Amino acid sequence: MDAFIEPPGGIARHAGNRALALRLALNRSRESVAAAAGIGVMTLRRFELTGRANFEAVVRIAIALGDERALESLFLPRDFRTLDEVIDVKKRGVRKRASRPRGKKRPQ
């Protein structure tokens, strides 16, 4: 892992802290956000304090807080930095799925 990249737990904690700050800025109670998200109050509390929640719960929280657009930037295609990268992608073509390791037969 790159030394400049924060570990996943830290990123998750920051996301939870930002959700808490946004909820408070919107003057919403945990109960109202949890009800709007269709999740339990304890799930919301755990996410705000630790960053831990399943992905669907995080999406529901973002929608309930009106911040679902923030999720649109996840997993975007990478930008090209050089002309060689553009040419390499054109040569390879766009992959539709991952390949399986060679030598292993698929069960029937």
C-alpha atoms as a PDB file:
ATOM      1  CA  MET A   1       0.000   0.000   0.000  1.00  0.00           C
ATOM      2  CA  ASP A   2       1.218   3.480  -0.830  1.00  0.00           C
ATOM      3  CA  ALA A   3       2.530   5.356   2.226  1.00  0.00           C
ATOM      4  CA  PHE A   4       0.410   8.397   1.325  1.00  0.00           C
ATOM      5  CA  ILE A   5      -2.882   6.525   1.129  1.00  0.00           C
ATOM      6  CA  GLU A   6      -4.919   6.354   4.295  1.00  0.00           C
ATOM      7  CA  PRO A   7      -5.913   2.875   5.468  1.00  0.00           C
ATOM      8  CA  PRO A   8      -9.498   1.762   4.721  1.00  0.00           C
ATOM      9  CA  GLY A   9     -10.564   2.091   8.364  1.00  0.00           C
ATOM     10  CA  GLY A  10      -9.461   5.719   8.446  1.00  0.00           C
ATOM     11  CA  ILE A  11     -11.279   6.551   5.236  1.00  0.00           C
ATOM     12  CA  ALA A  12     -14.429   4.888   6.594  1.00  0.00           C
ATOM     13  CA  ARG A  13     -14.170   6.807   9.907  1.00  0.00           C
ATOM     14  CA  HIS A  14     -13.843  10.103   8.027  1.00  0.00           C
ATOM     15  CA  ALA A  15     -16.902   9.263   5.927  1.00  0.00           C
ATOM     16  CA  GLY A  16     -18.871   8.518   9.092  1.00  0.00           C
ATOM     17  CA  ASN A  17     -17.681  11.763  10.689  1.00  0.00           C
ATOM     18  CA  ARG A  18     -18.739  13.714   7.598  1.00  0.00           C
ATOM     19  CA  ALA A  19     -22.172  12.051   7.669  1.00  0.00           C
ATOM     20  CA  LEU A  20     -22.522  13.051  11.336  1.00  0.00           C
ATOM     21  CA  ALA A  21     -21.469  16.636  10.582  1.00  0.00           C
ATOM     22  CA  LEU A  22     -23.900  16.848   7.663  1.00  0.00           C
ATOM     23  CA  ARG A  23     -26.757  15.436   9.744  1.00  0.00           C
ATOM     24  CA  LEU A  24     -26.096  18.002  12.476  1.00  0.00           C
ATOM     25  CA  ALA A  25     -25.783  20.835   9.920  1.00  0.00           C
ATOM     26  CA  LEU A  26     -29.171  19.811   8.555  1.00  0.00           C
ATOM     27  CA  ASN A  27     -30.518  19.798  12.140  1.00  0.00           C
ATOM     28  CA  ARG A  28     -31.808  16.232  11.752  1.00  0.00           C
ATOM     29  CA  SER A  29     -32.043  13.662  14.508  1.00  0.00           C
ATOM     30  CA  ARG A  30     -30.573  10.195  14.190  1.00  0.00           C
ATOM     31  CA  GLU A  31     -34.078   8.826  14.461  1.00  0.00           C
ATOM     32  CA  SER A  32     -35.383  10.855  11.510  1.00  0.00           C
ATOM     33  CA  VAL A  33     -32.414  10.021   9.272  1.00  0.00           C
ATOM     34  CA  ALA A  34     -32.520   6.338  10.194  1.00  0.00           C
ATOM     35  CA  ALA A  35     -36.262   6.205   9.485  1.00  0.00           C
ATOM     36  CA  ALA A  36     -35.811   7.971   6.129  1.00  0.00           C
ATOM     37  CA  ALA A  37     -32.974   5.591   5.249  1.00  0.00           C
ATOM     38  CA  GLY A  38     -34.899   2.508   6.330  1.00  0.00           C
ATOM     39  CA  ILE A  39     -32.143   1.397   8.710  1.00  0.00           C
ATOM     40  CA  GLY A  40     -31.860   1.073  12.465  1.00  0.00           C
ATOM     41  CA  VAL A  41     -30.776   3.971  14.651  1.00  0.00           C
ATOM     42  CA  MET A  42     -27.886   1.874  15.979  1.00  0.00           C
ATOM     43  CA  THR A  43     -26.673   1.209  12.420  1.00  0.00           C
ATOM     44  CA  LEU A  44     -26.590   4.950  11.767  1.00  0.00           C
ATOM     45  CA  ARG A  45     -24.912   5.620  15.107  1.00  0.00           C
ATOM     46  CA  ARG A  46     -22.244   2.960  14.440  1.00  0.00           C
ATOM     47  CA  PHE A  47     -21.555   4.421  11.002  1.00  0.00           C
ATOM     48  CA  GLU A  48     -21.263   7.977  12.311  1.00  0.00           C
ATOM     49  CA  LEU A  49     -18.917   6.976  15.130  1.00  0.00           C
ATOM     50  CA  THR A  50     -16.801   4.259  13.517  1.00  0.00           C
ATOM     51  CA  GLY A  51     -17.459   4.364   9.771  1.00  0.00           C
ATOM     52  CA  ARG A  52     -18.635   0.754   9.886  1.00  0.00           C
ATOM     53  CA  ALA A  53     -21.789  -0.193   7.960  1.00  0.00           C
ATOM     54  CA  ASN A  54     -22.601  -2.293   4.939  1.00  0.00           C
ATOM     55  CA  PHE A  55     -22.479  -0.509   1.618  1.00  0.00           C
ATOM     56  CA  GLU A  56     -26.241  -0.510   1.086  1.00  0.00           C
ATOM     57  CA  ALA A  57     -26.706   1.184   4.481  1.00  0.00           C
ATOM     58  CA  VAL A  58     -24.144   3.846   3.508  1.00  0.00           C
ATOM     59  CA  VAL A  59     -26.002   4.465   0.236  1.00  0.00           C
ATOM     60  CA  ARG A  60     -29.297   4.731   2.126  1.00  0.00           C
ATOM     61  CA  ILE A  61     -27.748   7.194   4.611  1.00  0.00           C
ATOM     62  CA  ALA A  62     -26.377   9.322   1.759  1.00  0.00           C
ATOM     63  CA  ILE A  63     -29.803   9.419   0.097  1.00  0.00           C
ATOM     64  CA  ALA A  64     -31.547  10.267   3.383  1.00  0.00           C
ATOM     65  CA  LEU A  65     -29.095  13.150   3.891  1.00  0.00           C
ATOM     66  CA  GLY A  66     -29.532  14.332   0.287  1.00  0.00           C
ATOM     67  CA  ASP A  67     -25.896  13.601  -0.564  1.00  0.00           C
ATOM     68  CA  GLU A  68     -26.244  10.665  -2.973  1.00  0.00           C
ATOM     69  CA  ARG A  69     -24.360  12.565  -5.695  1.00  0.00           C
ATOM     70  CA  ALA A  70     -21.181  12.048  -3.688  1.00  0.00           C
ATOM     71  CA  LEU A  71     -21.445   8.335  -4.484  1.00  0.00           C
ATOM     72  CA  GLU A  72     -21.412   8.974  -8.231  1.00  0.00           C
ATOM     73  CA  SER A  73     -17.654   9.542  -8.174  1.00  0.00           C
ATOM     74  CA  LEU A  74     -16.911   5.993  -6.986  1.00  0.00           C
ATOM     75  CA  PHE A  75     -15.178   3.663  -9.449  1.00  0.00           C
ATOM     76  CA  LEU A  76     -14.915   6.076 -12.356  1.00  0.00           C
ATOM     77  CA  PRO A  77     -12.670   5.142 -15.292  1.00  0.00           C
ATOM     78  CA  ARG A  78      -9.136   6.399 -14.911  1.00  0.00           C
ATOM     79  CA  ASP A  79      -7.921   9.450 -16.758  1.00  0.00           C
ATOM     80  CA  PHE A  80      -5.120   8.997 -19.252  1.00  0.00           C
ATOM     81  CA  ARG A  81      -1.817  10.652 -18.410  1.00  0.00           C
ATOM     82  CA  THR A  82       0.085   9.904 -21.610  1.00  0.00           C
ATOM     83  CA  LEU A  83      -0.644   9.211 -25.255  1.00  0.00           C
ATOM     84  CA  ASP A  84       0.938   5.767 -24.784  1.00  0.00           C
ATOM     85  CA  GLU A  85      -1.789   4.873 -22.273  1.00  0.00           C
ATOM     86  CA  VAL A  86      -4.486   5.834 -24.796  1.00  0.00           C
ATOM     87  CA  ILE A  87      -2.841   3.720 -27.508  1.00  0.00           C
ATOM     88  CA  ASP A  88      -2.391   0.774 -25.121  1.00  0.00           C
ATOM     89  CA  VAL A  89      -6.092   0.792 -24.173  1.00  0.00           C
ATOM     90  CA  LYS A  90      -7.129   0.976 -27.834  1.00  0.00           C
ATOM     91  CA  LYS A  91      -4.876  -2.008 -28.643  1.00  0.00           C
ATOM     92  CA  ARG A  92      -6.225  -4.097 -25.793  1.00  0.00           C
ATOM     93  CA  GLY A  93      -9.833  -3.074 -26.292  1.00  0.00           C
ATOM     94  CA  VAL A  94     -12.361  -2.745 -23.504  1.00  0.00           C
ATOM     95  CA  ARG A  95     -12.644  -5.844 -21.330  1.00  0.00           C
ATOM     96  CA  LYS A  96     -16.132  -6.981 -20.526  1.00  0.00           C
ATOM     97  CA  ARG A  97     -15.202  -9.422 -17.751  1.00  0.00           C
ATOM     98  CA  ALA A  98     -12.235 -10.791 -15.909  1.00  0.00           C
ATOM     99  CA  SER A  99     -10.640 -13.939 -17.227  1.00  0.00           C
ATOM    100  CA  ARG A 100     -10.255 -17.040 -15.125  1.00  0.00           C
ATOM    101  CA  PRO A 101      -6.828 -18.504 -14.424  1.00  0.00           C
ATOM    102  CA  ARG A 102      -5.591 -20.769 -17.208  1.00  0.00           C
ATOM    103  CA  GLY A 103      -5.372 -24.481 -16.593  1.00  0.00           C
ATOM    104  CA  LYS A 104      -8.415 -24.705 -14.361  1.00  0.00           C
ATOM    105  CA  LYS A 105     -11.497 -26.304 -15.787  1.00  0.00           C
ATOM    106  CA  ARG A 106     -14.897 -24.940 -14.952  1.00  0.00           C
ATOM    107  CA  PRO A 107     -17.083 -27.357 -12.933  1.00  0.00           C
ATOM    108  CA  GLN A 108     -19.965 -28.807 -14.907  1.00  0.00           C
END
